[in-house]
PDB file of N, CA and C in Angstrom:
ATOM      1  N   MET A   1     -39.393  -3.154  -5.898  1.00  0.00           N
ATOM      2  CA  MET A   1     -37.933  -3.387  -5.691  1.00  0.00           C
ATOM      3  C   MET A   1     -37.244  -3.326  -6.996  1.00  0.00           C
ATOM      4  N   THR A   2     -36.080  -2.428  -7.024  1.00  0.00           N
ATOM      5  CA  THR A   2     -35.356  -2.173  -8.181  1.00  0.00           C
ATOM      6  C   THR A   2     -33.949  -2.986  -8.242  1.00  0.00           C
ATOM      7  N   CYS A   3     -33.622  -3.281  -9.350  1.00  0.00           N
ATOM      8  CA  CYS A   3     -32.205  -3.772  -9.440  1.00  0.00           C
ATOM      9  C   CYS A   3     -31.271  -2.713  -9.648  1.00  0.00           C
ATOM     10  N   ASP A   4     -29.992  -2.968  -9.384  1.00  0.00           N
ATOM     11  CA  ASP A   4     -28.980  -2.027  -9.385  1.00  0.00           C
ATOM     12  C   ASP A   4     -28.939  -1.313 -10.672  1.00  0.00           C
ATOM     13  N   SER A   5     -29.096  -1.990 -11.890  1.00  0.00           N
ATOM     14  CA  SER A   5     -29.021  -1.314 -13.024  1.00  0.00           C
ATOM     15  C   SER A   5     -30.081  -0.336 -13.283  1.00  0.00           C
ATOM     16  N   GLN A   6     -31.171  -0.309 -12.540  1.00  0.00           N
ATOM     17  CA  GLN A   6     -32.286   0.573 -12.646  1.00  0.00           C
ATOM     18  C   GLN A   6     -32.083   1.759 -11.751  1.00  0.00           C
ATOM     19  N   ARG A   7     -31.333   1.740 -10.810  1.00  0.00           N
ATOM     20  CA  ARG A   7     -31.169   2.981  -9.930  1.00  0.00           C
ATOM     21  C   ARG A   7     -30.670   4.150 -10.670  1.00  0.00           C
ATOM     22  N   GLU A   8     -31.224   5.305 -10.406  1.00  0.00           N
ATOM     23  CA  GLU A   8     -30.884   6.569 -10.951  1.00  0.00           C
ATOM     24  C   GLU A   8     -30.429   7.413  -9.905  1.00  0.00           C
ATOM     25  N   GLY A   9     -29.667   8.532 -10.290  1.00  0.00           N
ATOM     26  CA  GLY A   9     -29.397   9.499  -9.224  1.00  0.00           C
ATOM     27  C   GLY A   9     -27.855   9.750  -9.078  1.00  0.00           C
ATOM     28  N   PRO A  10     -27.477  10.413  -8.114  1.00  0.00           N
ATOM     29  CA  PRO A  10     -26.099  10.975  -7.931  1.00  0.00           C
ATOM     30  C   PRO A  10     -25.192   9.813  -7.570  1.00  0.00           C
ATOM     31  N   GLU A  11     -25.550   8.547  -7.359  1.00  0.00           N
ATOM     32  CA  GLU A  11     -24.730   7.595  -6.888  1.00  0.00           C
ATOM     33  C   GLU A  11     -24.261   6.694  -8.221  1.00  0.00           C
ATOM     34  N   ARG A  12     -24.760   7.156  -9.481  1.00  0.00           N
ATOM     35  CA  ARG A  12     -24.348   6.358 -10.606  1.00  0.00           C
ATOM     36  C   ARG A  12     -22.890   6.873 -11.169  1.00  0.00           C
ATOM     37  N   SER A  13     -22.258   5.970 -11.632  1.00  0.00           N
ATOM     38  CA  SER A  13     -20.861   6.381 -12.232  1.00  0.00           C
ATOM     39  C   SER A  13     -21.015   7.393 -13.479  1.00  0.00           C
ATOM     40  N   ARG A  14     -20.021   8.192 -13.574  1.00  0.00           N
ATOM     41  CA  ARG A  14     -20.032   9.002 -14.761  1.00  0.00           C
ATOM     42  C   ARG A  14     -19.517   8.227 -15.985  1.00  0.00           C
ATOM     43  N   PRO A  15     -20.435   8.342 -17.055  1.00  0.00           N
ATOM     44  CA  PRO A  15     -20.085   7.603 -18.194  1.00  0.00           C
ATOM     45  C   PRO A  15     -18.656   8.105 -18.876  1.00  0.00           C
ATOM     46  N   GLU A  16     -17.867   7.268 -19.321  1.00  0.00           N
ATOM     47  CA  GLU A  16     -16.585   7.607 -19.969  1.00  0.00           C
ATOM     48  C   GLU A  16     -16.865   8.492 -21.219  1.00  0.00           C
ATOM     49  N   GLY A  17     -16.026   9.519 -21.260  1.00  0.00           N
ATOM     50  CA  GLY A  17     -16.168  10.495 -22.351  1.00  0.00           C
ATOM     51  C   GLY A  17     -17.350  11.356 -22.226  1.00  0.00           C
ATOM     52  N   ALA A  18     -18.115  11.466 -21.123  1.00  0.00           N
ATOM     53  CA  ALA A  18     -19.156  12.403 -20.880  1.00  0.00           C
ATOM     54  C   ALA A  18     -18.661  13.825 -20.796  1.00  0.00           C
ATOM     55  N   ASP A  19     -19.498  14.731 -21.230  1.00  0.00           N
ATOM     56  CA  ASP A  19     -19.090  16.184 -21.116  1.00  0.00           C
ATOM     57  C   ASP A  19     -19.326  16.555 -19.751  1.00  0.00           C
ATOM     58  N   PRO A  20     -18.685  17.584 -19.243  1.00  0.00           N
ATOM     59  CA  PRO A  20     -18.924  18.182 -17.876  1.00  0.00           C
ATOM     60  C   PRO A  20     -20.238  18.750 -17.877  1.00  0.00           C
ATOM     61  N   ALA A  21     -20.879  18.756 -16.583  1.00  0.00           N
ATOM     62  CA  ALA A  21     -22.332  19.331 -16.382  1.00  0.00           C
ATOM     63  C   ALA A  21     -22.255  20.642 -16.959  1.00  0.00           C
ATOM     64  N   PRO A  22     -23.378  21.333 -17.537  1.00  0.00           N
ATOM     65  CA  PRO A  22     -23.490  22.522 -18.136  1.00  0.00           C
ATOM     66  C   PRO A  22     -23.304  23.713 -16.919  1.00  0.00           C
ATOM     67  N   GLY A  23     -22.486  24.698 -17.197  1.00  0.00           N
ATOM     68  CA  GLY A  23     -22.325  25.726 -16.301  1.00  0.00           C
ATOM     69  C   GLY A  23     -21.268  25.366 -15.253  1.00  0.00           C
ATOM     70  N   SER A  24     -20.515  24.354 -15.399  1.00  0.00           N
ATOM     71  CA  SER A  24     -19.448  23.968 -14.444  1.00  0.00           C
ATOM     72  C   SER A  24     -18.224  23.903 -15.239  1.00  0.00           C
ATOM     73  N   ALA A  25     -17.264  24.613 -14.663  1.00  0.00           N
ATOM     74  CA  ALA A  25     -15.878  24.452 -15.379  1.00  0.00           C
ATOM     75  C   ALA A  25     -15.167  23.126 -15.422  1.00  0.00           C
ATOM     76  N   ARG A  26     -15.455  22.503 -14.186  1.00  0.00           N
ATOM     77  CA  ARG A  26     -14.776  21.184 -13.964  1.00  0.00           C
ATOM     78  C   ARG A  26     -15.870  20.014 -14.248  1.00  0.00           C
ATOM     79  N   GLY A  27     -17.050  20.480 -14.295  1.00  0.00           N
ATOM     80  CA  GLY A  27     -18.212  19.380 -14.543  1.00  0.00           C
ATOM     81  C   GLY A  27     -18.421  18.711 -13.121  1.00  0.00           C
ATOM     82  N   GLY A  28     -18.053  19.356 -11.943  1.00  0.00           N
ATOM     83  CA  GLY A  28     -18.482  18.841 -10.728  1.00  0.00           C
ATOM     84  C   GLY A  28     -17.358  18.086  -9.995  1.00  0.00           C
ATOM     85  N   LEU A  29     -17.491  17.809  -8.820  1.00  0.00           N
ATOM     86  CA  LEU A  29     -16.435  17.152  -8.027  1.00  0.00           C
ATOM     87  C   LEU A  29     -16.875  15.665  -8.131  1.00  0.00           C
ATOM     88  N   PHE A  30     -15.634  14.829  -8.326  1.00  0.00           N
ATOM     89  CA  PHE A  30     -15.886  13.343  -8.350  1.00  0.00           C
ATOM     90  C   PHE A  30     -15.010  12.691  -7.485  1.00  0.00           C
ATOM     91  N   VAL A  31     -15.530  11.777  -6.819  1.00  0.00           N
ATOM     92  CA  VAL A  31     -15.053  10.903  -5.848  1.00  0.00           C
ATOM     93  C   VAL A  31     -15.134   9.506  -6.159  1.00  0.00           C
ATOM     94  N   THR A  32     -14.237   8.700  -6.247  1.00  0.00           N
ATOM     95  CA  THR A  32     -14.241   7.373  -6.751  1.00  0.00           C
ATOM     96  C   THR A  32     -15.268   7.165  -7.789  1.00  0.00           C
ATOM     97  N   GLY A  33     -15.055   8.005  -8.771  1.00  0.00           N
ATOM     98  CA  GLY A  33     -15.706   7.720 -10.101  1.00  0.00           C
ATOM     99  C   GLY A  33     -17.094   8.341 -10.184  1.00  0.00           C
ATOM    100  N   THR A  34     -17.725   8.822  -9.039  1.00  0.00           N
ATOM    101  CA  THR A  34     -19.117   9.242  -9.063  1.00  0.00           C
ATOM    102  C   THR A  34     -19.105  10.896  -8.614  1.00  0.00           C
ATOM    103  N   ARG A  35     -20.148  11.421  -9.217  1.00  0.00           N
ATOM    104  CA  ARG A  35     -20.054  12.943  -9.122  1.00  0.00           C
ATOM    105  C   ARG A  35     -20.883  13.247  -7.793  1.00  0.00           C
ATOM    106  N   LEU A  36     -20.437  14.213  -7.021  1.00  0.00           N
ATOM    107  CA  LEU A  36     -21.124  14.531  -5.788  1.00  0.00           C
ATOM    108  C   LEU A  36     -22.320  15.463  -6.212  1.00  0.00           C
ATOM    109  N   THR A  37     -23.342  15.418  -5.352  1.00  0.00           N
ATOM    110  CA  THR A  37     -24.338  16.264  -5.604  1.00  0.00           C
ATOM    111  C   THR A  37     -24.136  17.718  -5.174  1.00  0.00           C
ATOM    112  N   ARG A  38     -24.980  18.679  -5.589  1.00  0.00           N
ATOM    113  CA  ARG A  38     -24.704  20.071  -5.119  1.00  0.00           C
ATOM    114  C   ARG A  38     -24.623  19.995  -3.647  1.00  0.00           C
ATOM    115  N   LYS A  39     -25.608  19.464  -3.019  1.00  0.00           N
ATOM    116  CA  LYS A  39     -25.599  19.684  -1.453  1.00  0.00           C
ATOM    117  C   LYS A  39     -24.520  18.856  -0.773  1.00  0.00           C
ATOM    118  N   GLN A  40     -24.034  17.622  -1.458  1.00  0.00           N
ATOM    119  CA  GLN A  40     -22.907  17.142  -0.841  1.00  0.00           C
ATOM    120  C   GLN A  40     -21.512  17.919  -1.004  1.00  0.00           C
ATOM    121  N   GLY A  41     -21.520  18.615  -2.034  1.00  0.00           N
ATOM    122  CA  GLY A  41     -20.283  19.510  -2.403  1.00  0.00           C
ATOM    123  C   GLY A  41     -20.389  20.596  -1.346  1.00  0.00           C
ATOM    124  N   GLN A  42     -21.667  21.125  -1.213  1.00  0.00           N
ATOM    125  CA  GLN A  42     -21.719  22.053  -0.145  1.00  0.00           C
ATOM    126  C   GLN A  42     -21.354  21.873   1.271  1.00  0.00           C
ATOM    127  N   LEU A  43     -21.722  20.480   1.601  1.00  0.00           N
ATOM    128  CA  LEU A  43     -21.338  20.003   2.913  1.00  0.00           C
ATOM    129  C   LEU A  43     -19.891  19.965   3.011  1.00  0.00           C
ATOM    130  N   VAL A  44     -19.115  19.418   1.906  1.00  0.00           N
ATOM    131  CA  VAL A  44     -17.649  19.293   2.170  1.00  0.00           C
ATOM    132  C   VAL A  44     -17.029  20.766   2.034  1.00  0.00           C
ATOM    133  N   ALA A  45     -17.597  21.450   1.314  1.00  0.00           N
ATOM    134  CA  ALA A  45     -16.905  22.973   1.276  1.00  0.00           C
ATOM    135  C   ALA A  45     -17.296  23.648   2.658  1.00  0.00           C
ATOM    136  N   TYR A  46     -18.322  23.492   3.311  1.00  0.00           N
ATOM    137  CA  TYR A  46     -18.671  24.087   4.573  1.00  0.00           C
ATOM    138  C   TYR A  46     -17.796  23.534   5.602  1.00  0.00           C
ATOM    139  N   VAL A  47     -17.701  22.128   5.604  1.00  0.00           N
ATOM    140  CA  VAL A  47     -16.724  21.670   6.749  1.00  0.00           C
ATOM    141  C   VAL A  47     -15.341  22.189   6.474  1.00  0.00           C
ATOM    142  N   TYR A  48     -14.866  22.352   5.189  1.00  0.00           N
ATOM    143  CA  TYR A  48     -13.403  22.709   4.967  1.00  0.00           C
ATOM    144  C   TYR A  48     -13.369  24.296   5.435  1.00  0.00           C
ATOM    145  N   TYR A  49     -14.285  25.099   5.159  1.00  0.00           N
ATOM    146  CA  TYR A  49     -14.255  26.604   5.487  1.00  0.00           C
ATOM    147  C   TYR A  49     -14.490  26.835   6.968  1.00  0.00           C
ATOM    148  N   TYR A  50     -15.293  25.971   7.565  1.00  0.00           N
ATOM    149  CA  TYR A  50     -15.790  26.135   9.014  1.00  0.00           C
ATOM    150  C   TYR A  50     -14.618  25.690   9.854  1.00  0.00           C
ATOM    151  N   THR A  51     -13.723  24.556   9.497  1.00  0.00           N
ATOM    152  CA  THR A  51     -12.504  24.148  10.159  1.00  0.00           C
ATOM    153  C   THR A  51     -11.351  25.208  10.013  1.00  0.00           C
ATOM    154  N   LYS A  52     -11.227  25.700   8.848  1.00  0.00           N
ATOM    155  CA  LYS A  52     -10.303  26.770   8.605  1.00  0.00           C
ATOM    156  C   LYS A  52     -10.432  27.999   9.413  1.00  0.00           C
ATOM    157  N   VAL A  53     -11.769  28.486   9.694  1.00  0.00           N
ATOM    158  CA  VAL A  53     -11.952  29.697  10.385  1.00  0.00           C
ATOM    159  C   VAL A  53     -11.914  29.242  11.966  1.00  0.00           C
ATOM    160  N   HIS A  54     -12.529  28.215  12.384  1.00  0.00           N
ATOM    161  CA  HIS A  54     -12.815  27.966  13.680  1.00  0.00           C
ATOM    162  C   HIS A  54     -11.677  27.041  14.332  1.00  0.00           C
ATOM    163  N   ARG A  55     -10.992  26.573  13.512  1.00  0.00           N
ATOM    164  CA  ARG A  55      -9.811  25.510  13.875  1.00  0.00           C
ATOM    165  C   ARG A  55     -10.418  24.171  14.572  1.00  0.00           C
ATOM    166  N   ILE A  56     -11.619  23.961  14.394  1.00  0.00           N
ATOM    167  CA  ILE A  56     -12.340  22.584  14.916  1.00  0.00           C
ATOM    168  C   ILE A  56     -13.401  22.398  13.899  1.00  0.00           C
ATOM    169  N   PRO A  57     -13.661  21.001  13.467  1.00  0.00           N
ATOM    170  CA  PRO A  57     -14.808  21.018  12.523  1.00  0.00           C
ATOM    171  C   PRO A  57     -16.041  21.209  12.986  1.00  0.00           C
ATOM    172  N   PRO A  58     -17.086  21.437  12.132  1.00  0.00           N
ATOM    173  CA  PRO A  58     -18.500  21.745  12.796  1.00  0.00           C
ATOM    174  C   PRO A  58     -19.076  20.438  13.235  1.00  0.00           C
ATOM    175  N   SER A  59     -20.119  20.624  14.169  1.00  0.00           N
ATOM    176  CA  SER A  59     -20.911  19.530  14.627  1.00  0.00           C
ATOM    177  C   SER A  59     -21.959  19.112  13.587  1.00  0.00           C
ATOM    178  N   GLU A  60     -22.456  17.930  13.643  1.00  0.00           N
ATOM    179  CA  GLU A  60     -23.408  17.471  12.893  1.00  0.00           C
ATOM    180  C   GLU A  60     -24.644  18.483  12.761  1.00  0.00           C
ATOM    181  N   ASN A  61     -25.093  19.028  13.983  1.00  0.00           N
ATOM    182  CA  ASN A  61     -26.231  20.030  14.035  1.00  0.00           C
ATOM    183  C   ASN A  61     -25.808  21.292  13.463  1.00  0.00           C
ATOM    184  N   GLU A  62     -24.705  21.690  13.419  1.00  0.00           N
ATOM    185  CA  GLU A  62     -24.182  22.991  12.692  1.00  0.00           C
ATOM    186  C   GLU A  62     -24.399  22.542  11.104  1.00  0.00           C
ATOM    187  N   ILE A  63     -23.854  21.457  10.720  1.00  0.00           N
ATOM    188  CA  ILE A  63     -23.926  21.016   9.358  1.00  0.00           C
ATOM    189  C   ILE A  63     -25.425  20.960   8.900  1.00  0.00           C
ATOM    190  N   ALA A  64     -26.179  20.388   9.731  1.00  0.00           N
ATOM    191  CA  ALA A  64     -27.604  20.341   9.466  1.00  0.00           C
ATOM    192  C   ALA A  64     -28.407  21.742   9.233  1.00  0.00           C
ATOM    193  N   GLU A  65     -27.995  22.537  10.102  1.00  0.00           N
ATOM    194  CA  GLU A  65     -28.520  23.980  10.122  1.00  0.00           C
ATOM    195  C   GLU A  65     -28.079  24.468   8.830  1.00  0.00           C
ATOM    196  N   PHE A  66     -26.805  24.492   8.554  1.00  0.00           N
ATOM    197  CA  PHE A  66     -26.233  25.184   7.266  1.00  0.00           C
ATOM    198  C   PHE A  66     -26.978  24.631   5.970  1.00  0.00           C
ATOM    199  N   LEU A  67     -27.241  23.298   6.021  1.00  0.00           N
ATOM    200  CA  LEU A  67     -27.706  22.703   4.774  1.00  0.00           C
ATOM    201  C   LEU A  67     -29.264  22.961   4.693  1.00  0.00           C
ATOM    202  N   GLY A  68     -29.950  23.291   5.948  1.00  0.00           N
ATOM    203  CA  GLY A  68     -31.360  23.195   6.022  1.00  0.00           C
ATOM    204  C   GLY A  68     -32.128  21.881   6.090  1.00  0.00           C
ATOM    205  N   VAL A  69     -31.422  20.841   6.714  1.00  0.00           N
ATOM    206  CA  VAL A  69     -31.989  19.582   6.842  1.00  0.00           C
ATOM    207  C   VAL A  69     -31.959  19.144   8.309  1.00  0.00           C
ATOM    208  N   TYR A  70     -32.659  18.075   8.649  1.00  0.00           N
ATOM    209  CA  TYR A  70     -32.622  17.595  10.161  1.00  0.00           C
ATOM    210  C   TYR A  70     -31.360  16.835  10.429  1.00  0.00           C
ATOM    211  N   GLY A  71     -31.071  16.677  11.694  1.00  0.00           N
ATOM    212  CA  GLY A  71     -29.715  16.247  12.035  1.00  0.00           C
ATOM    213  C   GLY A  71     -29.607  14.676  11.482  1.00  0.00           C
ATOM    214  N   PRO A  72     -30.626  13.739  11.523  1.00  0.00           N
ATOM    215  CA  PRO A  72     -30.293  12.477  11.048  1.00  0.00           C
ATOM    216  C   PRO A  72     -30.067  12.626   9.418  1.00  0.00           C
ATOM    217  N   SER A  73     -30.657  13.455   8.713  1.00  0.00           N
ATOM    218  CA  SER A  73     -30.275  13.558   7.383  1.00  0.00           C
ATOM    219  C   SER A  73     -28.820  13.947   7.054  1.00  0.00           C
ATOM    220  N   ALA A  74     -28.469  14.998   7.852  1.00  0.00           N
ATOM    221  CA  ALA A  74     -26.934  15.365   7.904  1.00  0.00           C
ATOM    222  C   ALA A  74     -26.091  14.175   8.193  1.00  0.00           C
ATOM    223  N   HIS A  75     -26.383  13.507   9.183  1.00  0.00           N
ATOM    224  CA  HIS A  75     -25.589  12.347   9.760  1.00  0.00           C
ATOM    225  C   HIS A  75     -25.531  11.218   8.394  1.00  0.00           C
ATOM    226  N   GLN A  76     -26.671  11.017   7.772  1.00  0.00           N
ATOM    227  CA  GLN A  76     -26.539  10.032   6.587  1.00  0.00           C
ATOM    228  C   GLN A  76     -25.697  10.492   5.590  1.00  0.00           C
ATOM    229  N   MET A  77     -25.876  11.997   5.175  1.00  0.00           N
ATOM    230  CA  MET A  77     -24.808  12.446   4.180  1.00  0.00           C
ATOM    231  C   MET A  77     -23.565  12.310   4.502  1.00  0.00           C
ATOM    232  N   ILE A  78     -23.148  12.502   5.745  1.00  0.00           N
ATOM    233  CA  ILE A  78     -21.809  12.358   6.308  1.00  0.00           C
ATOM    234  C   ILE A  78     -21.294  10.905   5.995  1.00  0.00           C
ATOM    235  N   LEU A  79     -22.135   9.940   6.404  1.00  0.00           N
ATOM    236  CA  LEU A  79     -21.884   8.596   6.394  1.00  0.00           C
ATOM    237  C   LEU A  79     -21.692   8.203   4.830  1.00  0.00           C
ATOM    238  N   ARG A  80     -22.468   8.737   3.835  1.00  0.00           N
ATOM    239  CA  ARG A  80     -22.376   8.470   2.402  1.00  0.00           C
ATOM    240  C   ARG A  80     -20.991   9.034   1.904  1.00  0.00           C
ATOM    241  N   LEU A  81     -20.763  10.362   2.350  1.00  0.00           N
ATOM    242  CA  LEU A  81     -19.481  10.855   1.971  1.00  0.00           C
ATOM    243  C   LEU A  81     -18.265  10.146   2.499  1.00  0.00           C
ATOM    244  N   GLU A  82     -18.317   9.686   3.668  1.00  0.00           N
ATOM    245  CA  GLU A  82     -17.270   8.953   4.119  1.00  0.00           C
ATOM    246  C   GLU A  82     -17.002   7.557   3.330  1.00  0.00           C
ATOM    247  N   ALA A  83     -18.185   7.012   3.001  1.00  0.00           N
ATOM    248  CA  ALA A  83     -18.033   5.626   2.400  1.00  0.00           C
ATOM    249  C   ALA A  83     -17.368   5.947   0.887  1.00  0.00           C
ATOM    250  N   ARG A  84     -17.641   7.138   0.364  1.00  0.00           N
ATOM    251  CA  ARG A  84     -17.205   7.503  -1.020  1.00  0.00           C
ATOM    252  C   ARG A  84     -15.761   8.056  -0.871  1.00  0.00           C
ATOM    253  N   GLY A  85     -15.191   8.204   0.392  1.00  0.00           N
ATOM    254  CA  GLY A  85     -13.787   8.678   0.417  1.00  0.00           C
ATOM    255  C   GLY A  85     -13.557  10.201   0.477  1.00  0.00           C
ATOM    256  N   ALA A  86     -14.608  10.835   0.513  1.00  0.00           N
ATOM    257  CA  ALA A  86     -14.624  12.415   0.384  1.00  0.00           C
ATOM    258  C   ALA A  86     -14.126  12.942   1.762  1.00  0.00           C
ATOM    259  N   LEU A  87     -14.454  12.228   2.861  1.00  0.00           N
ATOM    260  CA  LEU A  87     -14.128  12.813   4.160  1.00  0.00           C
ATOM    261  C   LEU A  87     -13.904  11.542   5.190  1.00  0.00           C
ATOM    262  N   ALA A  88     -13.357  11.678   6.221  1.00  0.00           N
ATOM    263  CA  ALA A  88     -13.088  10.624   7.192  1.00  0.00           C
ATOM    264  C   ALA A  88     -13.573  11.252   8.690  1.00  0.00           C
ATOM    265  N   ARG A  89     -13.908  10.408   9.652  1.00  0.00           N
ATOM    266  CA  ARG A  89     -14.361  10.851  10.871  1.00  0.00           C
ATOM    267  C   ARG A  89     -14.122   9.671  11.958  1.00  0.00           C
ATOM    268  N   THR A  90     -14.015  10.037  13.118  1.00  0.00           N
ATOM    269  CA  THR A  90     -13.958   9.072  14.044  1.00  0.00           C
ATOM    270  C   THR A  90     -15.289   8.874  14.817  1.00  0.00           C
ATOM    271  N   PRO A  91     -15.981   7.675  14.506  1.00  0.00           N
ATOM    272  CA  PRO A  91     -17.279   7.366  15.105  1.00  0.00           C
ATOM    273  C   PRO A  91     -17.279   7.403  16.570  1.00  0.00           C
ATOM    274  N   GLY A  92     -18.332   8.035  17.114  1.00  0.00           N
ATOM    275  CA  GLY A  92     -18.654   8.165  18.454  1.00  0.00           C
ATOM    276  C   GLY A  92     -17.981   9.303  19.234  1.00  0.00           C
ATOM    277  N   GLN A  93     -17.193  10.031  18.296  1.00  0.00           N
ATOM    278  CA  GLN A  93     -16.525  11.240  18.793  1.00  0.00           C
ATOM    279  C   GLN A  93     -16.854  12.499  18.193  1.00  0.00           C
ATOM    280  N   PRO A  94     -17.283  13.561  18.961  1.00  0.00           N
ATOM    281  CA  PRO A  94     -17.747  14.737  18.258  1.00  0.00           C
ATOM    282  C   PRO A  94     -16.482  15.521  17.530  1.00  0.00           C
ATOM    283  N   ARG A  95     -17.009  16.276  16.595  1.00  0.00           N
ATOM    284  CA  ARG A  95     -16.168  17.090  15.641  1.00  0.00           C
ATOM    285  C   ARG A  95     -14.922  16.509  15.253  1.00  0.00           C
ATOM    286  N   THR A  96     -14.948  15.436  14.579  1.00  0.00           N
ATOM    287  CA  THR A  96     -13.800  14.761  14.047  1.00  0.00           C
ATOM    288  C   THR A  96     -13.837  14.568  12.672  1.00  0.00           C
ATOM    289  N   ILE A  97     -14.588  15.336  11.805  1.00  0.00           N
ATOM    290  CA  ILE A  97     -14.743  15.138  10.466  1.00  0.00           C
ATOM    291  C   ILE A  97     -13.416  15.855   9.868  1.00  0.00           C
ATOM    292  N   ARG A  98     -12.923  15.017   8.962  1.00  0.00           N
ATOM    293  CA  ARG A  98     -11.743  15.571   8.088  1.00  0.00           C
ATOM    294  C   ARG A  98     -11.928  15.379   6.671  1.00  0.00           C
ATOM    295  N   ILE A  99     -11.719  16.334   5.927  1.00  0.00           N
ATOM    296  CA  ILE A  99     -11.913  16.504   4.447  1.00  0.00           C
ATOM    297  C   ILE A  99     -10.681  15.802   3.839  1.00  0.00           C
ATOM    298  N   LEU A 100     -10.906  14.714   2.951  1.00  0.00           N
ATOM    299  CA  LEU A 100      -9.739  14.062   2.403  1.00  0.00           C
ATOM    300  C   LEU A 100      -9.565  14.498   0.998  1.00  0.00           C
ATOM    301  N   LEU A 101     -10.155  15.514   0.311  1.00  0.00           N
ATOM    302  CA  LEU A 101     -10.093  16.074  -1.009  1.00  0.00           C
ATOM    303  C   LEU A 101      -9.015  17.075  -0.838  1.00  0.00           C
ATOM    304  N   PRO A 102      -8.335  17.238  -2.005  1.00  0.00           N
ATOM    305  CA  PRO A 102      -7.313  18.419  -2.031  1.00  0.00           C
ATOM    306  C   PRO A 102      -8.162  19.648  -2.256  1.00  0.00           C
ATOM    307  N   ARG A 103      -7.742  20.771  -1.806  1.00  0.00           N
ATOM    308  CA  ARG A 103      -8.525  22.052  -1.797  1.00  0.00           C
ATOM    309  C   ARG A 103      -8.832  22.311  -3.163  1.00  0.00           C
ATOM    310  N   ALA A 104      -8.076  22.063  -4.253  1.00  0.00           N
ATOM    311  CA  ALA A 104      -8.342  22.399  -5.582  1.00  0.00           C
ATOM    312  C   ALA A 104      -9.645  21.709  -6.067  1.00  0.00           C
ATOM    313  N   ASP A 105      -9.997  20.641  -5.544  1.00  0.00           N
ATOM    314  CA  ASP A 105     -11.183  19.856  -5.797  1.00  0.00           C
ATOM    315  C   ASP A 105     -12.539  20.231  -5.216  1.00  0.00           C
ATOM    316  N   LEU A 106     -12.327  21.095  -4.327  1.00  0.00           N
ATOM    317  CA  LEU A 106     -13.582  21.567  -3.429  1.00  0.00           C
ATOM    318  C   LEU A 106     -14.377  22.575  -4.185  1.00  0.00           C
ATOM    319  N   PRO A 107     -15.772  22.485  -4.150  1.00  0.00           N
ATOM    320  CA  PRO A 107     -16.511  23.457  -4.727  1.00  0.00           C
ATOM    321  C   PRO A 107     -16.577  24.763  -4.028  1.00  0.00           C
ATOM    322  N   ASP A 108     -16.925  25.846  -4.623  1.00  0.00           N
ATOM    323  CA  ASP A 108     -17.054  27.110  -3.952  1.00  0.00           C
ATOM    324  C   ASP A 108     -18.214  27.009  -3.074  1.00  0.00           C
ATOM    325  N   LEU A 109     -18.111  27.655  -1.830  1.00  0.00           N
ATOM    326  CA  LEU A 109     -19.153  27.666  -0.895  1.00  0.00           C
ATOM    327  C   LEU A 109     -20.128  28.713  -1.282  1.00  0.00           C
ATOM    328  N   GLU A 110     -21.506  28.246  -1.430  1.00  0.00           N
ATOM    329  CA  GLU A 110     -22.395  29.357  -1.934  1.00  0.00           C
ATOM    330  C   GLU A 110     -23.267  29.907  -0.736  1.00  0.00           C
TER     331      GLU A 110
END
């Protein structure tokens, strides 16, 4: 069992005055003071562009296929991003994901 101060990973807050990540003009996408992982950024960008092209958000299965993960993993990623304020959805209803970030803050889709 680890205490909160020992946890590491993308959920940690960005230290004040820290330099941007190498190779990134903006240093990554930040939501509520924490940096999104590469995969989380790709999920947000995918939902944005898919919705723009198809005029309806992607299903969780389409997101999972794009990211190369299983459906439950994609669902957990969506829940995490919702909790962090990057997107919103209506539970129990399909294709209701909405991106809450401004277009300028979205990473490029790879």
